[in-house]
Amino acid sequence: MRIRKVNTTSENQIVMYLITSDEFLGRIVKIYSDTLFRTELAQVVSEWCVEYYREYKVAPKSYIHDIFLEYKETSRNEGLIKLLPTFLEQVEKTLDDAAANLDYMLEYAERHFNQVVLKKHVDYMKDLVDNKHFIKADEERLNFTPVRLTAAEGIDPFNDFTYIENAFAESFEPLIKYPGDFGALFNPLFVRDGFVSFLAPPKSGKSFMLYDVAIRAIEQGRKVALFEVGDMSQNQSLRRLSTRITGLPLMTKKGATYRIPRTLEKLEGIEVSDITHLDIEIEDDEILVDKEIPISVVKSKIDSFWTKYKKDSQFKMVCHPSDTVSVLDIHTQLIEWEAEGFMPDVIIIDYADILRPSTTRLDYRNQINDTWKKLRSLSTERHALVVTATQTNSDGFDSSTQHKGSVSEDKRKLAHVTGMIGINQNDDEKEVGIVRYNSVVVREDHFITAKCVRCTQCLALARPVMQSIF
């Protein structure tokens, strides 16, 4: 006898959204049948949710416990009664994160329902064939109707304004928010469905910036997937992450010093020359690293960090050598994590230029364009924010401020991103701990390339953005 393993994680994920999200449940009600689910738990709880919605027009949320208690009083299904309390405890942890990624969850549910329905349909047709009912089997072959939850079949936004409301509500709410003037300029880029790239010469802080985005996303309750595709080894990546999380100079040698900026102020009445830090005043502290930091201290600080943020956040990281991973490989990894219940809000790739091409049938420039097109598709298909980086060409080495002409290899990169942020720093600025960020291109807003936000940084602590000022 062949035993088929059933993946219950995907069904449980769908049912959790039914319990917690009004809009998700409202969409499911229109096509609902308990035959869309494989497991008894999912069939029973989904039916509770649908009945509740039809009565009250909202998802049951915490009232699911009351529904369970009523079920417990009347049901003789002891096996299910034993399973439900553990499941409902998981639901309790997700109540504050209801439908954080509604569009992707609808697509996820649609795929799952179609797998279930198609499997049942194929089994039924096989039974007909095995019993020599060939005409009926042929009729059933033509009668299969897939489940539709997403907008691929068309929408009517003028008669159902909720589509337009959702479009604006989702697009303008940043997944990651930076403070200060840096946030004022760039927070609108860090949205769901966004594709953002940093642009800088080699060794100019691109990876520091990507890791900073990752940690800030975790601190703000987002699920983050970090793909290190060759710029650093796993140990190097973990040292940098640990430095950023702990706030300790773990990458600074004993006996060396580093500076921590404390304040950044703009001075009035100062004419700015080519040296762009003369009109600001920085106060900082010089710190001597006089002893080795025990690994027990590092562990304690990381444990404290994760204890604080793990309720709302999830984080997965994978490291590969350079030129061994393509965008399609990343997509496959995300599907595997999805089966485990992990669906990231933010996908960070360090960095796009060293991804392996997805095809060798194109010439070099078109391979690059194909990679960036696929990265853009990754952001829209997963309804996530994708953040990466790219190096400048030779012009970018000499430019005081990065611009469209600084993009290396293929200018079509600019067409695929929703935003590109330049990282700018000359030797004088590096000396005083200043870095400038500017908008190279922004898809959905007016921007001025020459307008820079100046930031203090402390790379010894893996902090590329601290105070910021225009």
Protein backbone atom coordinates (compact mmCIF):
# COMPACT_ATOMS: atom_id res chain seq x y z
CA MET A 1 0.00 0.00 0.00
CA ARG A 2 1.40 3.42 -1.01
CA ILE A 3 1.08 6.09 1.66
CA ARG A 4 1.01 9.70 0.45
CA LYS A 5 2.40 12.30 2.81
CA VAL A 6 0.10 15.30 3.13
CA ASN A 7 1.67 18.70 3.77
CA THR A 8 -0.61 20.26 6.37
CA THR A 9 1.48 23.43 6.81
CA SER A 10 0.03 25.12 3.73
CA GLU A 11 -3.54 24.29 4.73
CA ASN A 12 -2.98 25.51 8.28
CA GLN A 13 -1.51 28.75 6.92
CA ILE A 14 -4.62 29.31 4.80
CA VAL A 15 -6.96 28.53 7.70
CA MET A 16 -5.08 30.98 9.95
CA TYR A 17 -5.73 33.72 7.40
CA LEU A 18 -9.40 32.71 7.25
CA ILE A 19 -9.60 33.22 11.01
CA THR A 20 -7.73 36.53 11.12
CA SER A 21 -8.39 38.44 7.86
CA ASP A 22 -11.79 39.92 6.96
CA GLU A 23 -10.89 40.52 3.32
CA PHE A 24 -9.20 37.17 2.76
CA LEU A 25 -12.15 35.30 4.25
CA GLY A 26 -14.59 37.43 2.23
CA ARG A 27 -12.86 36.37 -0.99
CA ILE A 28 -12.82 32.68 0.00
CA VAL A 29 -16.52 32.67 0.92
CA LYS A 30 -17.41 33.32 -2.73
CA ILE A 31 -15.87 30.01 -3.89
CA TYR A 32 -15.96 28.00 -0.66
CA SER A 33 -16.43 24.26 -0.41
CA ASP A 34 -14.98 22.02 2.28
CA THR A 35 -13.65 19.85 -0.57
CA LEU A 36 -10.99 22.53 -1.15
CA PHE A 37 -9.11 21.20 1.89
CA ARG A 38 -7.46 17.84 2.50
CA THR A 39 -7.33 17.64 6.28
CA GLU A 40 -10.24 17.30 8.64
CA LEU A 41 -8.98 20.16 10.81
CA ALA A 42 -8.92 22.53 7.84
CA GLN A 43 -12.34 21.40 6.65
CA VAL A 44 -13.98 21.89 10.05
CA VAL A 45 -12.35 25.21 10.98
CA SER A 46 -12.83 26.71 7.51
CA GLU A 47 -16.54 25.89 7.75
CA TRP A 48 -16.72 27.68 11.11
CA CYS A 49 -15.09 30.75 9.56
CA VAL A 50 -17.41 30.80 6.54
CA GLU A 51 -20.54 30.45 8.67
CA TYR A 52 -19.30 33.23 10.98
CA TYR A 53 -18.58 35.53 8.03
CA ARG A 54 -21.99 34.92 6.45
CA GLU A 55 -23.57 35.94 9.75
CA TYR A 56 -21.37 38.89 10.79
CA LYS A 57 -19.40 39.90 7.62
CA VAL A 58 -16.07 39.75 9.47
CA ALA A 59 -13.51 37.07 10.30
CA PRO A 60 -13.96 35.40 13.71
CA LYS A 61 -10.47 36.32 15.02
CA SER A 62 -10.38 35.69 18.79
CA TYR A 63 -14.02 34.48 18.76
CA ILE A 64 -12.74 31.27 17.18
CA HIS A 65 -12.06 30.08 20.74
CA ASP A 66 -15.76 30.43 21.62
CA ILE A 67 -16.72 28.51 18.48
CA PHE A 68 -14.29 25.76 19.46
CA LEU A 69 -15.74 25.51 22.98
CA GLU A 70 -19.23 25.07 21.52
CA TYR A 71 -17.89 22.39 19.17
CA LYS A 72 -16.13 20.66 22.08
CA GLU A 73 -19.42 20.40 23.99
CA THR A 74 -21.30 18.66 21.19
CA SER A 75 -18.70 16.76 19.14
CA ARG A 76 -17.49 13.23 19.71
CA ASN A 77 -14.44 13.71 17.50
CA GLU A 78 -11.86 13.39 20.29
CA GLY A 79 -8.90 13.28 17.91
CA LEU A 80 -9.74 16.66 16.41
CA ILE A 81 -10.57 18.12 19.83
CA LYS A 82 -7.03 17.22 20.95
CA LEU A 83 -5.44 18.85 17.88
CA LEU A 84 -7.37 22.13 17.91
CA PRO A 85 -5.98 23.81 21.09
CA THR A 86 -2.40 23.67 19.76
CA PHE A 87 -3.53 25.03 16.39
CA LEU A 88 -5.50 27.86 18.02
CA GLU A 89 -2.44 28.83 20.06
CA GLN A 90 -0.60 29.35 16.76
CA VAL A 91 -3.51 31.47 15.51
CA GLU A 92 -3.27 33.68 18.61
CA LYS A 93 0.30 34.59 17.63
CA THR A 94 -0.80 35.71 14.14
CA LEU A 95 -3.75 37.93 15.10
CA ASP A 96 -1.70 41.15 14.86
CA ASP A 97 -0.30 40.15 11.46
CA ALA A 98 -3.60 39.47 9.71
CA ALA A 99 -3.23 39.45 5.91
CA ALA A 100 0.08 41.30 5.94
CA ASN A 101 0.49 40.08 2.38
CA LEU A 102 -3.08 39.57 1.18
CA ASP A 103 -2.42 39.40 -2.56
CA TYR A 104 0.25 36.77 -2.23
CA MET A 105 -1.85 34.76 0.25
CA LEU A 106 -4.75 34.72 -2.24
CA GLU A 107 -2.43 33.37 -4.94
CA TYR A 108 -1.03 30.86 -2.47
CA ALA A 109 -4.53 29.65 -1.56
CA GLU A 110 -5.55 29.51 -5.21
CA ARG A 111 -2.58 27.27 -6.04
CA HIS A 112 -3.28 25.01 -3.09
CA PHE A 113 -7.00 24.70 -3.82
CA ASN A 114 -6.30 23.85 -7.46
CA GLN A 115 -3.83 21.16 -6.42
CA VAL A 116 -6.47 19.60 -4.14
CA VAL A 117 -9.32 19.88 -6.66
CA LEU A 118 -7.22 18.63 -9.56
CA LYS A 119 -5.95 15.64 -7.56
CA LYS A 120 -9.53 14.66 -6.70
CA HIS A 121 -10.62 15.18 -10.29
CA VAL A 122 -7.78 13.03 -11.63
CA ASP A 123 -8.51 10.29 -9.09
CA TYR A 124 -12.18 10.29 -10.13
CA MET A 125 -11.28 10.08 -13.82
CA LYS A 126 -8.84 7.24 -13.11
CA ASP A 127 -11.60 5.37 -11.28
CA LEU A 128 -13.89 5.82 -14.28
CA VAL A 129 -11.23 4.53 -16.67
CA ASP A 130 -10.41 1.57 -14.39
CA ASN A 131 -14.11 0.67 -14.50
CA LYS A 132 -14.20 1.14 -18.30
CA HIS A 133 -16.53 4.18 -18.23
CA PHE A 134 -14.54 5.82 -21.04
CA ILE A 135 -17.22 8.19 -22.36
CA LYS A 136 -17.94 9.54 -18.87
CA ALA A 137 -14.18 9.92 -18.21
CA ASP A 138 -13.79 11.95 -21.41
CA GLU A 139 -16.70 14.19 -20.37
CA GLU A 140 -15.10 14.76 -16.98
CA ARG A 141 -11.78 15.64 -18.66
CA LEU A 142 -13.53 18.57 -20.31
CA ASN A 143 -15.53 19.58 -17.24
CA PHE A 144 -12.66 20.53 -14.93
CA THR A 145 -12.97 24.16 -13.73
CA PRO A 146 -10.01 25.67 -11.85
CA VAL A 147 -10.48 27.75 -8.71
CA ARG A 148 -10.06 31.50 -9.32
CA LEU A 149 -9.28 33.90 -6.47
CA THR A 150 -6.95 36.42 -8.09
CA ALA A 151 -7.54 39.13 -10.67
CA ALA A 152 -6.18 37.21 -13.68
CA GLU A 153 -9.69 36.66 -14.96
CA GLY A 154 -10.45 40.41 -14.78
CA ILE A 155 -11.89 42.81 -12.22
CA ASP A 156 -14.43 45.63 -12.29
CA PRO A 157 -12.85 48.30 -10.06
CA PHE A 158 -15.51 50.91 -10.90
CA ASN A 159 -18.31 48.80 -9.42
CA ASP A 160 -16.19 47.41 -6.57
CA PHE A 161 -14.10 50.31 -5.25
CA THR A 162 -12.35 48.10 -2.67
CA TYR A 163 -9.85 47.10 -5.39
CA ILE A 164 -8.77 50.73 -5.75
CA GLU A 165 -8.76 51.31 -1.98
CA ASN A 166 -6.51 48.28 -1.49
CA ALA A 167 -4.15 49.40 -4.26
CA PHE A 168 -3.51 52.75 -2.59
CA ALA A 169 -3.45 51.42 0.97
CA GLU A 170 -0.85 48.80 0.13
CA SER A 171 1.42 50.75 -2.20
CA PHE A 172 2.04 53.73 0.05
CA GLU A 173 2.65 51.96 3.36
CA PRO A 174 6.39 51.28 3.73
CA LEU A 175 7.47 47.88 4.98
CA ILE A 176 10.61 49.49 6.40
CA LYS A 177 10.81 52.97 7.89
CA TYR A 178 14.06 54.84 8.49
CA PRO A 179 14.05 57.88 10.77
CA GLY A 180 15.10 61.42 9.86
CA ASP A 181 15.72 62.92 6.46
CA PHE A 182 16.96 59.60 5.06
CA GLY A 183 13.53 58.15 5.78
CA ALA A 184 11.76 61.19 4.38
CA LEU A 185 13.55 60.68 1.06
CA PHE A 186 13.62 56.89 0.75
CA ASN A 187 10.88 55.29 2.90
CA PRO A 188 8.36 55.54 0.02
CA LEU A 189 10.56 53.14 -1.96
CA PHE A 190 10.49 50.37 0.66
CA VAL A 191 6.98 49.13 -0.12
CA ARG A 192 5.40 45.82 -1.04
CA ASP A 193 5.90 44.96 -4.73
CA GLY A 194 8.93 47.29 -4.76
CA PHE A 195 12.29 46.48 -6.35
CA VAL A 196 15.07 48.68 -4.96
CA SER A 197 18.78 48.62 -5.76
CA PHE A 198 21.71 50.48 -4.23
CA LEU A 199 24.34 51.76 -6.69
CA ALA A 200 27.96 52.31 -5.69
CA PRO A 201 31.56 51.53 -6.64
CA PRO A 202 33.17 48.41 -5.12
CA LYS A 203 33.82 48.52 -1.36
CA SER A 204 31.59 51.54 -0.84
CA GLY A 205 29.10 50.10 1.66
CA LYS A 206 26.55 48.24 -0.49
CA SER A 207 26.56 45.10 1.66
CA PHE A 208 26.51 47.16 4.87
CA MET A 209 23.40 48.87 3.55
CA LEU A 210 21.67 45.61 2.57
CA TYR A 211 22.32 44.08 5.99
CA ASP A 212 21.08 47.24 7.67
CA VAL A 213 17.84 46.99 5.68
CA ALA A 214 17.49 43.37 6.83
CA ILE A 215 17.91 44.17 10.52
CA ARG A 216 15.60 47.19 10.42
CA ALA A 217 12.95 45.06 8.69
CA ILE A 218 13.20 42.46 11.46
CA GLU A 219 12.97 45.18 14.12
CA GLN A 220 9.77 46.41 12.45
CA GLY A 221 8.07 43.01 12.47
CA ARG A 222 8.76 41.87 8.91
CA LYS A 223 9.63 38.41 7.66
CA VAL A 224 13.01 38.62 5.96
CA ALA A 225 14.86 36.32 3.56
CA LEU A 226 18.55 37.15 2.99
CA PHE A 227 20.38 35.57 0.06
CA GLU A 228 24.14 35.97 0.22
CA VAL A 229 25.17 34.93 -3.29
CA GLY A 230 28.92 35.22 -3.17
CA ASP A 231 29.98 38.65 -1.98
CA MET A 232 30.82 37.20 1.46
CA SER A 233 31.22 33.74 2.94
CA GLN A 234 28.76 32.46 5.51
CA ASN A 235 31.15 33.22 8.38
CA GLN A 236 31.80 36.73 7.09
CA SER A 237 28.06 37.29 6.73
CA LEU A 238 27.36 36.07 10.26
CA ARG A 239 30.11 38.29 11.71
CA ARG A 240 28.61 41.32 9.99
CA LEU A 241 25.07 40.46 11.09
CA SER A 242 26.29 39.89 14.65
CA THR A 243 28.08 43.24 14.65
CA ARG A 244 24.94 45.05 13.47
CA ILE A 245 22.69 43.30 15.98
CA THR A 246 24.92 43.59 19.06
CA GLY A 247 26.28 47.08 18.47
CA LEU A 248 29.76 45.73 19.31
CA PRO A 249 32.91 46.28 17.19
CA LEU A 250 33.31 42.57 16.46
CA MET A 251 35.22 43.18 13.22
CA THR A 252 37.67 45.71 14.72
CA LYS A 253 41.08 44.47 15.87
CA LYS A 254 42.24 44.91 19.43
CA GLY A 255 44.24 48.14 19.79
CA ALA A 256 42.41 49.93 16.95
CA THR A 257 40.04 52.87 17.39
CA TYR A 258 36.76 53.80 15.79
CA ARG A 259 34.46 56.80 15.98
CA ILE A 260 30.77 56.85 16.92
CA PRO A 261 28.88 59.96 15.74
CA ARG A 262 26.61 61.45 18.39
CA THR A 263 25.13 64.56 16.77
CA LEU A 264 24.80 66.03 13.28
CA GLU A 265 23.81 69.67 12.83
CA LYS A 266 23.62 72.02 9.87
CA LEU A 267 25.44 75.33 10.20
CA GLU A 268 23.79 78.49 8.92
CA GLY A 269 25.47 80.98 6.59
CA ILE A 270 28.15 78.62 5.29
CA GLU A 271 28.91 78.48 1.57
CA VAL A 272 29.31 74.87 0.47
CA SER A 273 32.18 74.09 -1.92
CA ASP A 274 33.01 70.80 -3.58
CA ILE A 275 33.77 69.45 -0.12
CA THR A 276 30.19 68.80 0.91
CA HIS A 277 30.58 68.54 4.68
CA LEU A 278 31.74 72.09 5.44
CA ASP A 279 28.25 73.34 6.33
CA ILE A 280 27.61 70.68 8.98
CA GLU A 281 28.97 69.97 12.43
CA ILE A 282 29.50 66.46 13.77
CA GLU A 283 30.16 65.50 17.37
CA ASP A 284 31.54 62.01 17.86
CA ASP A 285 33.37 59.84 20.37
CA GLU A 286 36.60 58.01 19.64
CA ILE A 287 36.59 54.51 21.10
CA LEU A 288 39.61 52.30 21.71
CA VAL A 289 39.10 48.55 21.35
CA ASP A 290 41.22 47.49 24.33
CA LYS A 291 40.10 43.88 24.77
CA GLU A 292 38.59 40.91 23.01
CA ILE A 293 34.84 40.60 23.28
CA PRO A 294 33.86 37.18 24.76
CA ILE A 295 31.59 35.06 22.57
CA SER A 296 29.28 34.65 25.59
CA VAL A 297 28.59 38.40 25.46
CA VAL A 298 27.81 38.18 21.75
CA LYS A 299 25.43 35.26 22.33
CA SER A 300 23.67 37.06 25.17
CA LYS A 301 23.06 40.18 23.08
CA ILE A 302 21.84 38.19 20.07
CA ASP A 303 19.53 36.15 22.31
CA SER A 304 18.10 39.38 23.74
CA PHE A 305 17.57 40.79 20.24
CA TRP A 306 15.73 37.74 18.98
CA THR A 307 13.65 37.36 22.14
CA LYS A 308 12.47 40.93 21.61
CA TYR A 309 11.56 40.58 17.92
CA LYS A 310 10.80 36.90 17.22
CA LYS A 311 7.09 37.21 18.08
CA ASP A 312 6.41 39.24 14.93
CA SER A 313 9.43 38.52 12.76
CA GLN A 314 10.97 35.57 11.00
CA PHE A 315 14.37 35.40 9.38
CA LYS A 316 16.05 32.93 7.03
CA MET A 317 19.45 33.26 5.43
CA VAL A 318 21.27 31.18 2.84
CA CYS A 319 24.83 31.66 1.57
CA HIS A 320 26.23 30.50 -1.77
CA PRO A 321 29.51 31.00 -3.67
CA SER A 322 29.54 33.58 -6.43
CA ASP A 323 28.02 32.66 -9.80
CA THR A 324 26.29 29.52 -8.49
CA VAL A 325 22.78 30.85 -7.82
CA SER A 326 20.27 32.28 -10.29
CA VAL A 327 16.99 34.10 -9.70
CA LEU A 328 15.22 30.83 -10.56
CA ASP A 329 17.18 29.08 -7.78
CA ILE A 330 16.06 31.80 -5.36
CA HIS A 331 12.47 31.30 -6.50
CA THR A 332 12.78 27.55 -5.87
CA GLN A 333 14.15 28.15 -2.38
CA LEU A 334 11.27 30.49 -1.60
CA ILE A 335 8.77 27.82 -2.70
CA GLU A 336 10.44 25.31 -0.35
CA TRP A 337 10.24 27.78 2.54
CA GLU A 338 6.64 28.53 1.61
CA ALA A 339 5.79 24.85 2.14
CA GLU A 340 7.20 25.26 5.66
CA GLY A 341 4.98 28.30 6.29
CA PHE A 342 7.64 30.98 5.77
CA MET A 343 6.64 33.69 3.27
CA PRO A 344 8.98 36.71 3.45
CA ASP A 345 7.85 40.32 3.22
CA VAL A 346 11.37 41.45 2.35
CA ILE A 347 13.80 39.57 0.08
CA ILE A 348 17.41 40.82 0.14
CA ILE A 349 20.00 39.67 -2.39
CA ASP A 350 23.67 40.55 -1.88
CA TYR A 351 24.03 41.25 -4.73
CA ALA A 352 22.46 41.10 -8.21
CA ASP A 353 25.65 41.47 -10.28
CA ILE A 354 27.05 38.10 -9.12
CA LEU A 355 23.92 36.05 -9.70
CA ARG A 356 24.31 33.23 -12.20
CA PRO A 357 22.36 33.82 -15.44
CA SER A 358 19.12 31.85 -15.70
CA THR A 359 19.91 31.03 -19.33
CA THR A 360 23.06 30.73 -21.45
CA ARG A 361 21.22 31.14 -24.74
CA LEU A 362 21.46 34.94 -24.56
CA ASP A 363 24.49 37.16 -25.00
CA TYR A 364 26.08 38.75 -21.92
CA ARG A 365 24.11 42.01 -21.88
CA ASN A 366 20.79 40.26 -22.46
CA GLN A 367 21.62 37.79 -19.70
CA ILE A 368 21.96 40.76 -17.34
CA ASN A 369 18.69 42.23 -18.55
CA ASP A 370 17.00 38.83 -18.08
CA THR A 371 18.28 38.62 -14.50
CA TRP A 372 16.92 42.05 -13.62
CA LYS A 373 13.59 41.31 -15.30
CA LYS A 374 13.31 38.15 -13.23
CA LEU A 375 14.17 40.07 -10.05
CA ARG A 376 11.35 42.48 -10.85
CA SER A 377 9.01 39.55 -11.43
CA LEU A 378 10.10 38.12 -8.08
CA SER A 379 8.88 41.26 -6.31
CA THR A 380 5.49 41.29 -8.04
CA GLU A 381 4.85 37.54 -8.00
CA ARG A 382 5.70 37.25 -4.30
CA HIS A 383 4.15 40.65 -3.48
CA ALA A 384 7.29 41.37 -1.52
CA LEU A 385 9.96 44.07 -1.36
CA VAL A 386 13.12 42.95 -3.17
CA VAL A 387 16.31 44.86 -2.28
CA THR A 388 19.69 44.33 -3.93
CA ALA A 389 22.75 46.29 -5.11
CA THR A 390 24.79 46.86 -8.24
CA GLN A 391 28.21 48.30 -9.00
CA THR A 392 28.89 51.46 -10.95
CA ASN A 393 30.82 51.66 -14.20
CA SER A 394 34.11 53.56 -14.46
CA ASP A 395 32.22 56.87 -14.66
CA GLY A 396 30.73 56.17 -11.25
CA PHE A 397 34.20 55.96 -9.70
CA ASP A 398 34.89 59.58 -10.57
CA SER A 399 31.42 61.11 -10.18
CA SER A 400 30.77 63.09 -7.02
CA THR A 401 27.14 61.91 -7.16
CA GLN A 402 25.84 58.72 -8.79
CA HIS A 403 23.49 59.21 -11.74
CA LYS A 404 21.86 57.20 -14.55
CA GLY A 405 25.09 57.18 -16.52
CA SER A 406 26.88 55.50 -13.62
CA VAL A 407 25.04 52.18 -14.08
CA SER A 408 27.33 49.39 -15.24
CA GLU A 409 26.88 46.79 -17.98
CA ASP A 410 23.27 47.38 -19.04
CA LYS A 411 21.22 50.57 -18.65
CA ARG A 412 18.01 48.54 -18.75
CA LYS A 413 18.54 47.87 -15.04
CA LEU A 414 17.02 51.33 -14.57
CA ALA A 415 13.83 50.24 -16.35
CA HIS A 416 13.22 47.30 -14.02
CA VAL A 417 13.75 48.84 -10.59
CA THR A 418 11.12 50.90 -8.82
CA GLY A 419 13.93 52.84 -7.17
CA MET A 420 17.73 53.07 -7.31
CA ILE A 421 19.68 54.73 -4.50
CA GLY A 422 23.19 56.04 -5.04
CA ILE A 423 25.87 55.74 -2.36
CA ASN A 424 28.38 58.60 -2.57
CA GLN A 425 31.49 59.30 -0.53
CA ASN A 426 34.73 61.06 -1.37
CA ASP A 427 37.92 60.81 0.68
CA ASP A 428 37.20 63.96 2.70
CA GLU A 429 33.76 62.69 3.62
CA LYS A 430 35.13 59.28 4.55
CA GLU A 431 37.64 60.99 6.83
CA VAL A 432 34.90 62.71 8.85
CA GLY A 433 32.41 59.81 8.67
CA ILE A 434 29.87 61.24 6.22
CA VAL A 435 28.13 59.42 3.37
CA ARG A 436 25.62 60.86 0.88
CA TYR A 437 22.65 58.99 -0.56
CA ASN A 438 20.70 60.20 -3.60
CA SER A 439 17.88 59.10 -5.88
CA VAL A 440 19.31 57.78 -9.15
CA VAL A 441 15.86 56.84 -10.42
CA VAL A 442 12.38 56.65 -8.84
CA ARG A 443 9.47 55.18 -10.74
CA GLU A 444 6.41 56.64 -9.01
CA ASP A 445 7.53 60.04 -7.76
CA HIS A 446 9.30 63.22 -8.76
CA PHE A 447 13.00 63.11 -7.89
CA ILE A 448 16.12 65.24 -8.27
CA THR A 449 19.32 63.25 -8.74
CA ALA A 450 21.51 66.03 -7.34
CA LYS A 451 19.55 66.16 -4.06
CA CYS A 452 21.48 64.19 -1.45
CA VAL A 453 20.75 63.29 2.13
CA ARG A 454 23.92 63.29 4.21
CA CYS A 455 24.30 60.68 6.92
CA THR A 456 26.75 59.85 9.65
CA GLN A 457 27.87 56.24 9.75
CA CYS A 458 29.91 53.85 11.84
CA LEU A 459 30.94 50.84 9.79
CA ALA A 460 32.85 49.43 12.76
CA LEU A 461 29.39 48.77 14.19
CA ALA A 462 27.90 47.91 10.76
CA ARG A 463 25.77 51.07 10.86
CA PRO A 464 25.79 52.76 7.43
CA VAL A 465 23.00 55.20 8.38
CA MET A 466 22.82 56.92 11.76
CA GLN A 467 21.87 60.64 11.85
CA SER A 468 20.75 62.21 8.59
CA ILE A 469 20.29 65.73 7.21
CA PHE A 470 19.68 67.31 3.80
